[in-house]
């Protein structure tokens, strides 16, 4: 599953959950809004965590590729 689909699915879930929470809320509006705000913060922390993991993974892959290229260049220089 691609990362874009995961992020899109998470955002769609957040929107649907917020709408459902508002429509079916048995509590006062202020309490409901507060709950939605806290849930939104939780979802944003989760998205940020996943994004940070993706960035770390891409950085690691970039560094590995860079090292492989340097090794290949050194090997070519050695053989020439």
N, C-alpha and C. Protein backbone atom coordinates (compact mmCIF):
# COMPACT_ATOMS: atom_id res chain seq x y z
N UNK A 1 0.86 -1.17 0.00
CA UNK A 1 0.00 0.00 0.00
C UNK A 1 0.90 1.23 0.00
N UNK A 2 0.62 2.18 -0.84
CA UNK A 2 1.47 3.36 -0.94
C UNK A 2 1.20 4.31 0.23
N UNK A 3 2.19 5.11 0.51
CA UNK A 3 2.11 6.06 1.61
C UNK A 3 1.02 7.09 1.37
N UNK A 4 0.88 7.52 0.13
CA UNK A 4 -0.15 8.50 -0.20
C UNK A 4 -1.54 8.00 0.12
N UNK A 5 -1.77 6.71 -0.15
CA UNK A 5 -3.08 6.13 0.14
C UNK A 5 -3.33 6.06 1.65
N UNK A 6 -2.28 5.76 2.41
CA UNK A 6 -2.43 5.69 3.86
C UNK A 6 -2.77 7.07 4.42
N UNK A 7 -2.06 8.08 3.97
CA UNK A 7 -2.33 9.45 4.45
C UNK A 7 -3.73 9.89 4.04
N UNK A 8 -4.10 9.63 2.80
CA UNK A 8 -5.43 9.99 2.32
C UNK A 8 -6.51 9.26 3.11
N UNK A 9 -6.30 7.99 3.36
CA UNK A 9 -7.26 7.21 4.15
C UNK A 9 -7.39 7.73 5.56
N UNK A 10 -6.26 8.12 6.16
CA UNK A 10 -6.28 8.67 7.51
C UNK A 10 -7.05 9.98 7.55
N UNK A 11 -6.80 10.85 6.58
CA UNK A 11 -7.52 12.13 6.54
C UNK A 11 -9.00 11.94 6.29
N UNK A 12 -9.35 11.01 5.42
CA UNK A 12 -10.77 10.73 5.15
C UNK A 12 -11.44 10.18 6.41
N UNK A 13 -10.74 9.29 7.11
CA UNK A 13 -11.29 8.74 8.36
C UNK A 13 -11.50 9.81 9.40
N UNK A 14 -10.56 10.73 9.47
CA UNK A 14 -10.68 11.85 10.41
C UNK A 14 -11.92 12.69 10.09
N UNK A 15 -12.12 12.99 8.83
CA UNK A 15 -13.27 13.81 8.43
C UNK A 15 -14.59 13.08 8.71
N UNK A 16 -14.67 11.82 8.34
CA UNK A 16 -15.90 11.04 8.56
C UNK A 16 -16.18 10.93 10.06
N UNK A 17 -15.14 10.67 10.84
CA UNK A 17 -15.32 10.55 12.29
C UNK A 17 -15.81 11.85 12.92
N UNK A 18 -15.27 12.96 12.46
CA UNK A 18 -15.69 14.26 13.00
C UNK A 18 -17.14 14.54 12.66
N UNK A 19 -17.52 14.27 11.43
CA UNK A 19 -18.91 14.51 11.01
C UNK A 19 -19.87 13.60 11.78
N UNK A 20 -19.51 12.33 11.90
CA UNK A 20 -20.37 11.40 12.63
C UNK A 20 -20.47 11.81 14.10
N UNK A 21 -19.37 12.26 14.66
CA UNK A 21 -19.38 12.70 16.05
C UNK A 21 -20.31 13.88 16.28
N UNK A 22 -20.31 14.79 15.34
CA UNK A 22 -21.18 15.96 15.47
C UNK A 22 -22.65 15.57 15.32
N UNK A 23 -22.93 14.72 14.34
CA UNK A 23 -24.31 14.35 14.06
C UNK A 23 -24.95 13.51 15.17
N UNK A 24 -24.17 12.63 15.77
CA UNK A 24 -24.73 11.70 16.74
C UNK A 24 -24.34 12.01 18.19
N UNK A 25 -23.85 13.20 18.42
CA UNK A 25 -23.38 13.57 19.76
C UNK A 25 -24.55 13.77 20.72
N UNK A 26 -24.55 13.04 21.84
CA UNK A 26 -25.60 13.22 22.84
C UNK A 26 -25.26 14.34 23.84
N UNK A 27 -24.08 14.93 23.71
CA UNK A 27 -23.64 15.94 24.67
C UNK A 27 -23.81 17.34 24.10
N UNK A 28 -23.53 18.32 24.94
CA UNK A 28 -23.59 19.71 24.52
C UNK A 28 -22.56 19.96 23.42
N UNK A 29 -22.82 20.95 22.62
CA UNK A 29 -21.93 21.27 21.52
C UNK A 29 -20.52 21.61 21.95
N UNK A 30 -20.38 22.33 23.07
CA UNK A 30 -19.04 22.71 23.52
C UNK A 30 -18.22 21.48 23.90
N UNK A 31 -18.85 20.52 24.56
CA UNK A 31 -18.14 19.29 24.92
C UNK A 31 -17.78 18.49 23.67
N UNK A 32 -18.71 18.44 22.75
CA UNK A 32 -18.45 17.71 21.50
C UNK A 32 -17.30 18.34 20.73
N UNK A 33 -17.31 19.66 20.64
CA UNK A 33 -16.22 20.35 19.92
C UNK A 33 -14.88 20.09 20.60
N UNK A 34 -14.87 20.09 21.91
CA UNK A 34 -13.64 19.83 22.66
C UNK A 34 -13.13 18.41 22.37
N UNK A 35 -14.05 17.44 22.37
CA UNK A 35 -13.65 16.06 22.06
C UNK A 35 -13.11 15.94 20.65
N UNK A 36 -13.76 16.59 19.70
CA UNK A 36 -13.31 16.55 18.31
C UNK A 36 -11.93 17.18 18.20
N UNK A 37 -11.72 18.28 18.90
CA UNK A 37 -10.42 18.94 18.86
C UNK A 37 -9.33 18.01 19.39
N UNK A 38 -9.60 17.33 20.49
CA UNK A 38 -8.62 16.42 21.07
C UNK A 38 -8.35 15.23 20.13
N UNK A 39 -9.40 14.71 19.53
CA UNK A 39 -9.23 13.61 18.58
C UNK A 39 -8.42 14.07 17.38
N UNK A 40 -8.69 15.28 16.90
CA UNK A 40 -7.94 15.83 15.78
C UNK A 40 -6.46 15.96 16.12
N UNK A 41 -6.18 16.39 17.34
CA UNK A 41 -4.78 16.48 17.78
C UNK A 41 -4.13 15.11 17.80
N UNK A 42 -4.88 14.10 18.29
CA UNK A 42 -4.34 12.73 18.31
C UNK A 42 -4.05 12.24 16.90
N UNK A 43 -4.97 12.50 15.98
CA UNK A 43 -4.77 12.07 14.59
C UNK A 43 -3.58 12.80 13.97
N UNK A 44 -3.43 14.08 14.26
CA UNK A 44 -2.30 14.83 13.71
C UNK A 44 -0.97 14.30 14.24
N UNK A 45 -0.93 13.94 15.52
CA UNK A 45 0.28 13.36 16.09
C UNK A 45 0.60 12.04 15.39
N UNK A 46 -0.43 11.24 15.13
CA UNK A 46 -0.24 9.96 14.45
C UNK A 46 0.28 10.18 13.03
N UNK A 47 -0.31 11.12 12.32
CA UNK A 47 0.13 11.43 10.95
C UNK A 47 1.56 11.95 10.97
N UNK A 48 1.88 12.81 11.92
CA UNK A 48 3.24 13.35 12.03
C UNK A 48 4.23 12.23 12.29
N UNK A 49 3.87 11.31 13.16
CA UNK A 49 4.74 10.18 13.47
C UNK A 49 5.00 9.33 12.22
N UNK A 50 3.94 9.04 11.46
CA UNK A 50 4.10 8.26 10.24
C UNK A 50 4.93 9.01 9.21
N UNK A 51 4.71 10.31 9.09
CA UNK A 51 5.47 11.13 8.16
C UNK A 51 6.95 11.14 8.54
N UNK A 52 7.23 11.28 9.83
CA UNK A 52 8.62 11.26 10.29
C UNK A 52 9.28 9.91 9.97
N UNK A 53 8.53 8.83 10.13
CA UNK A 53 9.06 7.51 9.80
C UNK A 53 9.37 7.39 8.31
N UNK A 54 8.51 7.94 7.48
CA UNK A 54 8.73 7.91 6.03
C UNK A 54 9.97 8.72 5.67
N UNK A 55 10.09 9.91 6.28
CA UNK A 55 11.26 10.76 6.01
C UNK A 55 12.53 10.05 6.43
N UNK A 56 12.52 9.43 7.61
CA UNK A 56 13.70 8.70 8.08
C UNK A 56 14.06 7.57 7.12
N UNK A 57 13.05 6.84 6.66
CA UNK A 57 13.28 5.74 5.72
C UNK A 57 13.88 6.25 4.42
N UNK A 58 13.33 7.34 3.89
CA UNK A 58 13.85 7.90 2.65
C UNK A 58 15.27 8.43 2.82
N UNK A 59 15.54 9.03 3.96
CA UNK A 59 16.89 9.53 4.24
C UNK A 59 17.88 8.38 4.29
N UNK A 60 17.49 7.30 4.94
CA UNK A 60 18.36 6.13 5.03
C UNK A 60 18.62 5.54 3.65
N UNK A 61 17.58 5.43 2.83
CA UNK A 61 17.75 4.91 1.47
C UNK A 61 18.65 5.82 0.65
N UNK A 62 18.50 7.12 0.80
CA UNK A 62 19.34 8.08 0.07
C UNK A 62 20.80 7.93 0.49
N UNK A 63 21.04 7.83 1.78
CA UNK A 63 22.42 7.68 2.27
C UNK A 63 23.03 6.38 1.78
N UNK A 64 22.26 5.30 1.77
CA UNK A 64 22.77 4.02 1.27
C UNK A 64 23.11 4.11 -0.22
N UNK A 65 22.24 4.75 -0.98
CA UNK A 65 22.49 4.92 -2.41
C UNK A 65 23.73 5.76 -2.65
N UNK A 66 23.87 6.82 -1.87
CA UNK A 66 25.01 7.71 -2.00
C UNK A 66 26.31 6.94 -1.72
N UNK A 67 26.30 6.11 -0.69
CA UNK A 67 27.47 5.30 -0.35
C UNK A 67 27.79 4.31 -1.46
N UNK A 68 26.78 3.67 -2.01
CA UNK A 68 26.99 2.72 -3.10
C UNK A 68 27.59 3.41 -4.32
N UNK A 69 27.12 4.60 -4.63
CA UNK A 69 27.65 5.35 -5.78
C UNK A 69 29.11 5.71 -5.53
N UNK A 70 29.42 6.19 -4.32
CA UNK A 70 30.81 6.52 -3.99
C UNK A 70 31.70 5.29 -4.11
N UNK A 71 31.22 4.16 -3.63
CA UNK A 71 31.99 2.92 -3.72
C UNK A 71 32.21 2.52 -5.18
N UNK A 72 31.17 2.66 -5.99
CA UNK A 72 31.28 2.33 -7.41
C UNK A 72 32.26 3.25 -8.12
N UNK A 73 32.23 4.53 -7.81
CA UNK A 73 33.15 5.50 -8.42
C UNK A 73 34.59 5.17 -8.01
N UNK A 74 34.78 4.85 -6.75
CA UNK A 74 36.12 4.48 -6.27
C UNK A 74 36.62 3.22 -6.97
N UNK A 75 35.74 2.28 -7.18
CA UNK A 75 36.10 1.02 -7.86
C UNK A 75 36.47 1.29 -9.32
N UNK A 76 35.72 2.16 -9.98
CA UNK A 76 36.03 2.50 -11.38
C UNK A 76 37.37 3.24 -11.46
N UNK A 77 37.62 4.16 -10.55
CA UNK A 77 38.88 4.89 -10.53
C UNK A 77 40.05 3.93 -10.30
N UNK A 78 39.82 2.96 -9.44
CA UNK A 78 40.86 1.98 -9.13
C UNK A 78 41.21 1.14 -10.35
N UNK A 79 40.18 0.76 -11.11
CA UNK A 79 40.42 -0.09 -12.28
C UNK A 79 41.00 0.69 -13.45
N UNK A 80 40.80 2.00 -13.48
CA UNK A 80 41.32 2.83 -14.57
C UNK A 80 42.73 3.16 -14.25
